[in-house]
């Protein structure tokens, strides 16, 4: 019920109050079998994929995520610049799918870059931990000021082999961790950013022998910002799920208010309607990425009624594509018990 109430609150976000999610965006990696940076910073921040394979992403579409093998030679390299390693304010977000087998690692780096310490060397890091049967996201920051730091641990735990949206923010005094659009932990510190010169940002491990802590799972749609995103903006990244490789809206969602397809009712019990269509395709997946429905509307057909009576209660993605195959908008749908 808490998750449903949270989703309802997201649905009430007014596009007039939603900020532009391209503001402060330094890097955006779609991870759909490409290392391209789709933010305005361009090719200078293109990544490098090492030992990765293409796989099904969080929307259920094949070839839209990178799969990490859980070995030291399987990672994604992000150029370490002032855009991805800022001096005063950083937000990172992405979709992560954690494999059920921890690959003999109690901890696995999702995002990592090094400081000047010989221990506690995470200038900043997002990692997943496996302890006592619980899987949790954690975010760390350490500085050579003391070579100690702050570890913010997720409240609660997650299920393996399910996609989760994770975001973290940190500056020189606070760290915050968000899981599936909601604040899940925070802490106060007095630690300036401290980076070892010449190091990059590594997704899915580290290059620090022998402490690689490689990730086993998948990643999708990873973003770096040089500003603090509000709680509402992070919730919108989770619920609206704007793509990297598309035009950024001036508010949450693609298209104008008059043209944007809508999904109702939401929450739903058995059937949904998708309106303002004309030649659009509608794809529905569950949170594990399983494709539930894919329907192509006809030109001139303005509304589709889609039965979901045989699907279990839970959260689903409803993604709407143009007739050219471009993703227009993503809705998060709550399907309730009947």
Protein backbone atom coordinates (compact mmCIF):
# COMPACT_ATOMS: atom_id res chain seq x y z
CA UNK A 1 0.00 0.00 0.00
CA UNK A 2 2.88 2.39 0.72
CA UNK A 3 4.23 1.84 -2.79
CA UNK A 4 0.80 2.43 -4.29
CA UNK A 5 0.33 5.63 -2.31
CA UNK A 6 3.76 6.79 -3.46
CA UNK A 7 2.86 6.06 -7.07
CA UNK A 8 -0.39 8.00 -6.74
CA UNK A 9 1.51 11.00 -5.41
CA UNK A 10 3.80 10.86 -8.45
CA UNK A 11 0.80 10.82 -10.74
CA UNK A 12 -0.31 14.11 -9.26
CA UNK A 13 2.91 15.91 -10.19
CA UNK A 14 2.08 19.02 -12.20
CA UNK A 15 4.19 19.36 -15.33
CA UNK A 16 4.35 23.10 -14.69
CA UNK A 17 6.25 22.43 -11.46
CA UNK A 18 8.47 19.67 -12.82
CA UNK A 19 11.96 20.89 -13.56
CA UNK A 20 13.83 20.34 -16.80
CA UNK A 21 15.69 17.06 -16.37
CA UNK A 22 18.30 18.10 -18.92
CA UNK A 23 19.47 20.93 -16.65
CA UNK A 24 22.83 20.00 -15.18
CA UNK A 25 22.90 16.67 -17.04
CA UNK A 26 26.57 15.95 -17.75
CA UNK A 27 26.37 12.41 -19.10
CA UNK A 28 23.56 10.07 -20.11
CA UNK A 29 24.30 6.49 -21.13
CA UNK A 30 21.36 4.58 -22.59
CA UNK A 31 23.42 1.34 -22.35
CA UNK A 32 21.43 -0.02 -25.31
CA UNK A 33 24.43 -1.72 -26.91
CA UNK A 34 26.14 1.64 -27.33
CA UNK A 35 28.70 3.53 -25.27
CA UNK A 36 27.51 6.90 -26.58
CA UNK A 37 26.91 9.79 -24.22
CA UNK A 38 23.58 11.34 -25.25
CA UNK A 39 23.86 14.44 -23.04
CA UNK A 40 24.79 17.81 -24.54
CA UNK A 41 28.41 17.29 -23.44
CA UNK A 42 28.66 14.89 -26.39
CA UNK A 43 31.36 12.55 -27.64
CA UNK A 44 34.04 13.77 -25.21
CA UNK A 45 32.27 11.74 -22.53
CA UNK A 46 31.52 8.64 -24.60
CA UNK A 47 32.16 5.54 -22.50
CA UNK A 48 34.07 2.33 -23.13
CA UNK A 49 32.53 -1.12 -22.72
CA UNK A 50 34.90 -3.85 -21.56
CA UNK A 51 33.72 -7.46 -21.60
CA UNK A 52 30.00 -6.55 -21.71
CA UNK A 53 27.18 -8.13 -23.69
CA UNK A 54 23.85 -6.74 -24.91
CA UNK A 55 20.76 -7.91 -23.07
CA UNK A 56 17.10 -7.12 -22.36
CA UNK A 57 16.61 -3.82 -20.56
CA UNK A 58 14.24 -2.70 -17.84
CA UNK A 59 11.45 -2.04 -20.36
CA UNK A 60 11.51 -5.62 -21.64
CA UNK A 61 13.00 -4.67 -24.99
CA UNK A 62 15.99 -6.75 -26.18
CA UNK A 63 19.28 -5.00 -26.80
CA UNK A 64 18.56 -2.10 -24.43
CA UNK A 65 20.91 -2.87 -21.51
CA UNK A 66 24.46 -4.00 -20.87
CA UNK A 67 25.04 -7.27 -19.00
CA UNK A 68 27.99 -7.41 -16.59
CA UNK A 69 29.67 -10.78 -16.05
CA UNK A 70 30.85 -10.41 -12.45
CA UNK A 71 34.55 -10.59 -13.38
CA UNK A 72 37.39 -8.06 -13.20
CA UNK A 73 37.41 -7.68 -16.99
CA UNK A 74 33.71 -6.78 -17.28
CA UNK A 75 32.95 -3.08 -16.71
CA UNK A 76 31.93 0.22 -18.32
CA UNK A 77 34.45 3.07 -18.23
CA UNK A 78 33.22 6.68 -17.93
CA UNK A 79 35.85 9.38 -18.60
CA UNK A 80 36.94 10.97 -15.32
CA UNK A 81 36.46 14.69 -15.92
CA UNK A 82 35.11 17.60 -13.91
CA UNK A 83 31.68 16.76 -15.36
CA UNK A 84 31.60 13.22 -13.96
CA UNK A 85 33.79 13.95 -10.91
CA UNK A 86 32.54 17.40 -9.85
CA UNK A 87 33.94 19.42 -6.98
CA UNK A 88 30.80 20.28 -5.07
CA UNK A 89 27.56 18.55 -6.16
CA UNK A 90 26.75 15.21 -7.80
CA UNK A 91 23.63 13.17 -8.58
CA UNK A 92 23.88 9.77 -10.30
CA UNK A 93 20.89 7.65 -11.28
CA UNK A 94 20.27 4.45 -13.19
CA UNK A 95 18.38 1.17 -13.48
CA UNK A 96 20.08 -1.90 -11.99
CA UNK A 97 19.27 -5.62 -12.17
CA UNK A 98 21.14 -7.63 -9.54
CA UNK A 99 21.77 -11.31 -10.28
CA UNK A 100 20.70 -13.76 -7.58
CA UNK A 101 24.16 -15.35 -7.54
CA UNK A 102 26.54 -12.84 -5.91
CA UNK A 103 29.52 -14.37 -7.75
CA UNK A 104 31.27 -14.99 -4.41
CA UNK A 105 31.39 -11.26 -3.72
CA UNK A 106 29.80 -9.86 -0.55
CA UNK A 107 29.92 -6.41 -2.16
CA UNK A 108 29.79 -5.33 -5.80
CA UNK A 109 30.55 -1.87 -7.17
CA UNK A 110 27.91 -0.30 -9.39
CA UNK A 111 29.55 3.15 -9.63
CA UNK A 112 33.10 3.82 -8.41
CA UNK A 113 35.95 6.32 -8.58
CA UNK A 114 39.08 6.58 -6.45
CA UNK A 115 40.39 9.12 -3.93
CA UNK A 116 43.95 9.63 -2.64
CA UNK A 117 43.73 7.14 0.26
CA UNK A 118 45.41 3.73 0.44
CA UNK A 119 42.31 2.30 2.14
CA UNK A 120 38.70 3.47 2.12
CA UNK A 121 39.55 4.68 -1.38
CA UNK A 122 36.02 5.38 -2.60
CA UNK A 123 35.88 9.06 -3.55
CA UNK A 124 32.28 8.11 -4.22
CA UNK A 125 30.74 4.72 -4.80
CA UNK A 126 27.40 3.04 -5.18
CA UNK A 127 27.49 -0.67 -4.44
CA UNK A 128 25.23 -3.59 -3.67
CA UNK A 129 25.87 -5.76 -0.62
CA UNK A 130 24.87 -9.34 0.16
CA UNK A 131 24.64 -9.93 3.93
CA UNK A 132 22.64 -12.55 5.79
CA UNK A 133 20.41 -13.19 2.81
CA UNK A 134 19.61 -9.47 2.43
CA UNK A 135 20.49 -7.49 -0.68
CA UNK A 136 20.91 -3.75 -0.14
CA UNK A 137 22.15 -0.72 -2.03
CA UNK A 138 24.80 1.41 -0.32
CA UNK A 139 26.48 4.70 -1.16
CA UNK A 140 29.88 5.70 0.22
CA UNK A 141 32.05 8.79 0.25
CA UNK A 142 35.60 8.95 1.64
CA UNK A 143 38.17 11.74 1.62
CA UNK A 144 41.91 11.91 2.24
CA UNK A 145 41.07 14.58 4.80
CA UNK A 146 40.72 11.68 7.26
CA UNK A 147 40.60 8.60 4.95
CA UNK A 148 37.35 7.82 6.72
CA UNK A 149 33.90 8.67 5.50
CA UNK A 150 30.20 7.96 5.40
CA UNK A 151 28.35 4.83 4.30
CA UNK A 152 24.61 5.27 3.71
CA UNK A 153 22.79 1.93 3.68
CA UNK A 154 19.41 1.32 2.11
CA UNK A 155 16.48 0.97 4.48
CA UNK A 156 14.97 -2.45 3.85
CA UNK A 157 16.25 -4.74 1.10
CA UNK A 158 15.58 -5.64 -2.53
CA UNK A 159 14.75 -8.76 -4.47
CA UNK A 160 17.32 -10.13 -6.90
CA UNK A 161 16.62 -10.48 -10.61
CA UNK A 162 14.24 -7.52 -10.63
CA UNK A 163 14.95 -4.07 -12.04
CA UNK A 164 15.34 -1.25 -9.50
CA UNK A 165 15.86 2.45 -10.03
CA UNK A 166 18.61 3.84 -7.80
CA UNK A 167 19.84 7.41 -7.41
CA UNK A 168 22.26 9.05 -5.03
CA UNK A 169 23.18 12.63 -4.27
CA UNK A 170 26.18 13.96 -2.43
CA UNK A 171 27.92 17.25 -1.84
CA UNK A 172 30.49 18.33 0.74
CA UNK A 173 28.13 17.86 3.67
CA UNK A 174 25.33 15.37 2.94
CA UNK A 175 24.70 12.08 1.13
CA UNK A 176 21.28 10.74 0.09
CA UNK A 177 20.20 7.39 -1.37
CA UNK A 178 16.95 6.84 -3.30
CA UNK A 179 15.57 3.43 -4.29
CA UNK A 180 12.62 3.12 -6.69
CA UNK A 181 11.89 6.83 -6.46
CA UNK A 182 11.81 7.18 -2.66
CA UNK A 183 14.42 8.34 -0.15
CA UNK A 184 15.91 5.24 1.47
CA UNK A 185 18.78 6.65 3.55
CA UNK A 186 20.78 9.80 4.22
CA UNK A 187 23.66 11.06 6.32
CA UNK A 188 25.59 14.17 7.25
CA UNK A 189 29.36 14.55 6.87
CA UNK A 190 32.04 17.18 6.41
CA UNK A 191 33.98 15.66 3.54
CA UNK A 192 35.16 17.56 0.47
CA UNK A 193 35.33 15.65 -2.78
CA UNK A 194 38.77 14.09 -3.14
CA UNK A 195 39.82 12.52 -6.44
CA UNK A 196 43.03 10.76 -7.44
CA UNK A 197 44.28 12.49 -10.58
CA UNK A 198 44.01 10.51 -13.79
CA UNK A 199 41.34 8.07 -12.62
CA UNK A 200 38.08 7.41 -14.44
CA UNK A 201 34.62 6.49 -13.15
CA UNK A 202 33.95 2.76 -13.41
CA UNK A 203 30.49 1.24 -13.72
CA UNK A 204 30.28 -2.37 -12.58
CA UNK A 205 33.58 -2.74 -10.72
CA UNK A 206 36.92 -1.03 -10.13
CA UNK A 207 40.41 -1.22 -11.57
CA UNK A 208 42.04 -1.49 -8.13
CA UNK A 209 43.91 -4.80 -7.94
CA UNK A 210 42.99 -7.04 -6.19
CA UNK A 211 39.82 -5.32 -4.91
CA UNK A 212 37.83 -5.25 -8.14
CA UNK A 213 34.45 -6.09 -6.53
CA UNK A 214 32.87 -6.69 -9.96
CA UNK A 215 29.13 -6.47 -10.54
CA UNK A 216 27.05 -9.38 -11.82
CA UNK A 217 23.82 -8.16 -13.38
CA UNK A 218 22.59 -5.52 -15.82
CA UNK A 219 22.48 -1.72 -16.11
CA UNK A 220 20.30 0.65 -18.09
CA UNK A 221 19.89 4.42 -18.54
CA UNK A 222 22.69 5.78 -16.30
CA UNK A 223 22.86 9.55 -15.72
CA UNK A 224 25.34 11.98 -14.13
CA UNK A 225 24.25 15.46 -12.95
CA UNK A 226 26.36 18.26 -11.49
CA UNK A 227 23.50 19.50 -9.30
CA UNK A 228 21.13 18.24 -6.66
CA UNK A 229 17.95 16.77 -8.09
CA UNK A 230 14.93 17.33 -5.92
CA UNK A 231 13.04 14.38 -4.44
CA UNK A 232 10.26 15.13 -6.94
CA UNK A 233 12.68 15.02 -9.88
CA UNK A 234 14.14 11.70 -8.75
CA UNK A 235 10.62 10.33 -8.32
CA UNK A 236 9.90 11.51 -11.86
CA UNK A 237 13.00 9.79 -13.25
CA UNK A 238 11.60 6.60 -11.72
CA UNK A 239 7.98 7.03 -12.78
CA UNK A 240 8.32 8.79 -16.15
CA UNK A 241 11.61 7.16 -17.13
CA UNK A 242 12.76 9.60 -19.86
CA UNK A 243 15.15 8.07 -22.35
CA UNK A 244 18.75 9.15 -22.91
CA UNK A 245 18.65 8.87 -26.69
CA UNK A 246 15.73 11.18 -27.38
CA UNK A 247 14.73 14.82 -27.17
CA UNK A 248 14.60 16.09 -23.61
CA UNK A 249 11.33 17.69 -22.57
CA UNK A 250 11.05 21.05 -20.86
CA UNK A 251 8.93 19.22 -18.31
CA UNK A 252 8.55 15.55 -17.43
CA UNK A 253 7.40 13.45 -20.41
CA UNK A 254 7.72 13.82 -24.18
CA UNK A 255 5.37 15.65 -26.49
CA UNK A 256 3.02 18.52 -25.77
CA UNK A 257 0.26 18.39 -23.23
CA UNK A 258 -2.33 18.28 -26.03
CA UNK A 259 -0.64 15.50 -27.97
CA UNK A 260 0.74 13.27 -25.22
CA UNK A 261 -0.97 9.87 -25.01
CA UNK A 262 -2.58 9.17 -21.65
CA UNK A 263 -3.19 5.97 -19.67
CA UNK A 264 -6.23 5.52 -17.44
CA UNK A 265 -7.47 4.45 -14.99
CA UNK A 266 -4.32 4.37 -12.89
CA UNK A 267 -4.42 2.47 -10.57
CA UNK A 268 -6.36 -0.09 -12.61
CA UNK A 269 -8.14 -3.31 -11.70
CA UNK A 270 -8.54 -5.26 -14.93
CA UNK A 271 -8.45 -3.07 -18.08
CA UNK A 272 -6.72 0.16 -19.12
CA UNK A 273 -7.34 2.66 -21.90
CA UNK A 274 -4.60 4.45 -23.80
CA UNK A 275 -5.84 7.54 -25.61
CA UNK A 276 -4.51 10.21 -28.02
CA UNK A 277 -3.06 7.58 -30.32
CA UNK A 278 -2.67 7.38 -34.08
CA UNK A 279 -0.36 4.71 -35.37
CA UNK A 280 1.41 4.47 -32.01
CA UNK A 281 2.61 1.22 -30.45
CA UNK A 282 1.94 0.40 -26.80
CA UNK A 283 4.26 -1.94 -24.91
CA UNK A 284 3.56 -3.15 -21.35
CA UNK A 285 6.17 -4.90 -19.20
CA UNK A 286 6.33 -5.90 -15.55
CA UNK A 287 9.13 -4.84 -13.21
CA UNK A 288 11.23 -7.88 -14.11
CA UNK A 289 11.19 -6.82 -17.79
CA UNK A 290 8.73 -9.52 -18.92
CA UNK A 291 6.71 -8.37 -21.91
CA UNK A 292 3.00 -8.48 -21.05
CA UNK A 293 1.41 -6.82 -24.10
CA UNK A 294 2.58 -5.17 -27.31
CA UNK A 295 -0.14 -3.62 -29.45
CA UNK A 296 0.11 -1.49 -32.58
CA UNK A 297 -2.68 1.04 -33.05
CA UNK A 298 -3.98 1.91 -36.51
CA UNK A 299 -3.66 5.36 -38.04
CA UNK A 300 -6.80 7.24 -37.03
CA UNK A 301 -7.44 4.92 -34.08
CA UNK A 302 -7.37 7.31 -31.14
CA UNK A 303 -7.91 4.89 -28.24
CA UNK A 304 -6.99 1.34 -27.27
CA UNK A 305 -8.62 -0.72 -24.54
CA UNK A 306 -6.15 -3.26 -23.19
CA UNK A 307 -7.26 -6.18 -20.96
CA UNK A 308 -4.97 -7.04 -18.04
CA UNK A 309 -7.40 -9.19 -16.10
CA UNK A 310 -5.07 -12.21 -16.06
CA UNK A 311 -2.04 -10.29 -14.81
CA UNK A 312 -1.07 -10.26 -11.10
CA UNK A 313 -1.28 -7.11 -9.00
CA UNK A 314 1.87 -5.01 -9.06
CA UNK A 315 3.70 -2.26 -10.90
CA UNK A 316 4.05 -2.17 -14.70
CA UNK A 317 5.64 0.04 -17.34
CA UNK A 318 3.40 1.29 -20.15
CA UNK A 319 5.66 2.65 -22.89
CA UNK A 320 4.29 4.41 -25.96
CA UNK A 321 6.21 4.55 -29.23
CA UNK A 322 5.65 6.67 -32.32
CA UNK A 323 4.94 5.09 -35.69
CA UNK A 324 8.69 5.54 -36.40
CA UNK A 325 9.61 3.54 -33.29
CA UNK A 326 10.72 6.51 -31.16
CA UNK A 327 9.85 6.26 -27.47
CA UNK A 328 7.41 9.08 -26.68
CA UNK A 329 6.45 8.52 -23.07
CA UNK A 330 6.63 6.02 -20.23
CA UNK A 331 3.86 5.61 -17.66
CA UNK A 332 4.10 3.58 -14.49
CA UNK A 333 0.90 1.64 -13.93
CA UNK A 334 -0.36 0.18 -10.66
CA UNK A 335 -2.48 -2.92 -11.13
CA UNK A 336 -4.52 -3.68 -8.03
CA UNK A 337 -5.91 -6.89 -6.56
CA UNK A 338 -9.30 -7.86 -7.86
